[in-house]
């Protein structure tokens, strides 16, 4: 099966270190799904970000993940993680 490479910008790398274990486990399962299916609309609460061609937002409870799909190089780049107030 073809897998996408999962990459991170600096903000998500720093943010992961500060998260509690429950969120880290949910993110890990998200990463496993996204490397097989970069736009997992059936598995997660996913929205395409308006005004951007390949940027998406996934909601994990009150936690948000923003990422970009690079189809030409088969990569998913995580841009930002955060808690919605």
Protein backbone atom coordinates (compact mmCIF):
# COMPACT_ATOMS: atom_id res chain seq x y z
CA UNK A 1 0.00 0.00 0.00
CA UNK A 2 1.21 3.51 -0.86
CA UNK A 3 2.00 5.74 2.15
CA UNK A 4 2.29 9.51 2.38
CA UNK A 5 5.20 10.98 4.31
CA UNK A 6 4.13 12.86 7.45
CA UNK A 7 6.07 16.09 8.09
CA UNK A 8 5.84 18.86 10.69
CA UNK A 9 6.54 22.58 10.76
CA UNK A 10 8.24 23.91 13.91
CA UNK A 11 5.05 24.93 15.75
CA UNK A 12 3.52 21.42 15.80
CA UNK A 13 6.84 19.87 16.92
CA UNK A 14 6.95 22.17 19.94
CA UNK A 15 3.24 21.84 20.67
CA UNK A 16 3.30 18.02 20.80
CA UNK A 17 5.82 18.06 23.64
CA UNK A 18 3.44 20.10 25.82
CA UNK A 19 0.29 18.01 25.27
CA UNK A 20 -1.19 15.49 27.67
CA UNK A 21 -1.07 11.79 26.86
CA UNK A 22 -4.74 11.53 25.83
CA UNK A 23 -4.31 14.10 23.03
CA UNK A 24 -0.95 12.57 22.01
CA UNK A 25 -2.64 9.19 21.51
CA UNK A 26 -5.40 10.76 19.40
CA UNK A 27 -2.81 12.59 17.30
CA UNK A 28 -0.82 9.39 16.82
CA UNK A 29 -3.91 7.62 15.48
CA UNK A 30 -4.56 10.62 13.19
CA UNK A 31 -0.99 10.43 11.82
CA UNK A 32 -1.42 6.72 11.05
CA UNK A 33 -4.67 7.36 9.16
CA UNK A 34 -3.37 10.40 7.26
CA UNK A 35 -0.30 8.59 5.95
CA UNK A 36 -2.64 6.13 4.21
CA UNK A 37 -5.50 8.52 3.40
CA UNK A 38 -4.45 12.21 3.35
CA UNK A 39 -8.03 13.53 3.38
CA UNK A 40 -9.85 11.21 5.83
CA UNK A 41 -13.28 12.86 5.69
CA UNK A 42 -15.07 9.67 6.76
CA UNK A 43 -12.85 9.06 9.79
CA UNK A 44 -12.53 12.58 11.25
CA UNK A 45 -14.35 15.91 11.43
CA UNK A 46 -12.49 17.43 8.48
CA UNK A 47 -13.01 20.75 6.70
CA UNK A 48 -11.14 22.25 3.78
CA UNK A 49 -9.86 25.72 4.65
CA UNK A 50 -11.46 28.38 2.44
CA UNK A 51 -9.11 30.23 0.10
CA UNK A 52 -6.51 27.49 0.13
CA UNK A 53 -6.19 24.72 -2.41
CA UNK A 54 -4.95 21.82 -0.26
CA UNK A 55 -5.08 22.96 3.38
CA UNK A 56 -7.40 21.16 5.80
CA UNK A 57 -8.53 21.39 9.43
CA UNK A 58 -9.38 18.38 11.57
CA UNK A 59 -11.27 18.71 14.84
CA UNK A 60 -10.43 16.28 17.64
CA UNK A 61 -12.84 17.39 20.36
CA UNK A 62 -11.71 20.89 21.37
CA UNK A 63 -8.31 20.33 19.73
CA UNK A 64 -7.62 21.50 16.16
CA UNK A 65 -5.05 20.31 13.64
CA UNK A 66 -4.23 22.20 10.45
CA UNK A 67 -2.31 20.53 7.64
CA UNK A 68 -1.40 20.78 3.97
CA UNK A 69 -1.28 17.95 1.41
CA UNK A 70 1.54 17.97 -1.13
CA UNK A 71 0.19 15.54 -3.72
CA UNK A 72 3.21 15.82 -6.07
CA UNK A 73 5.65 14.51 -3.46
CA UNK A 74 3.17 12.38 -1.48
CA UNK A 75 3.57 14.29 1.79
CA UNK A 76 1.30 15.64 4.49
CA UNK A 77 2.72 18.69 6.28
CA UNK A 78 1.23 19.56 9.67
CA UNK A 79 1.14 23.33 10.04
CA UNK A 80 -0.42 24.03 13.44
CA UNK A 81 -1.99 22.40 16.48
CA UNK A 82 -4.13 24.20 19.00
CA UNK A 83 -6.97 24.16 21.48
CA UNK A 84 -10.13 25.99 20.48
CA UNK A 85 -11.61 28.11 23.26
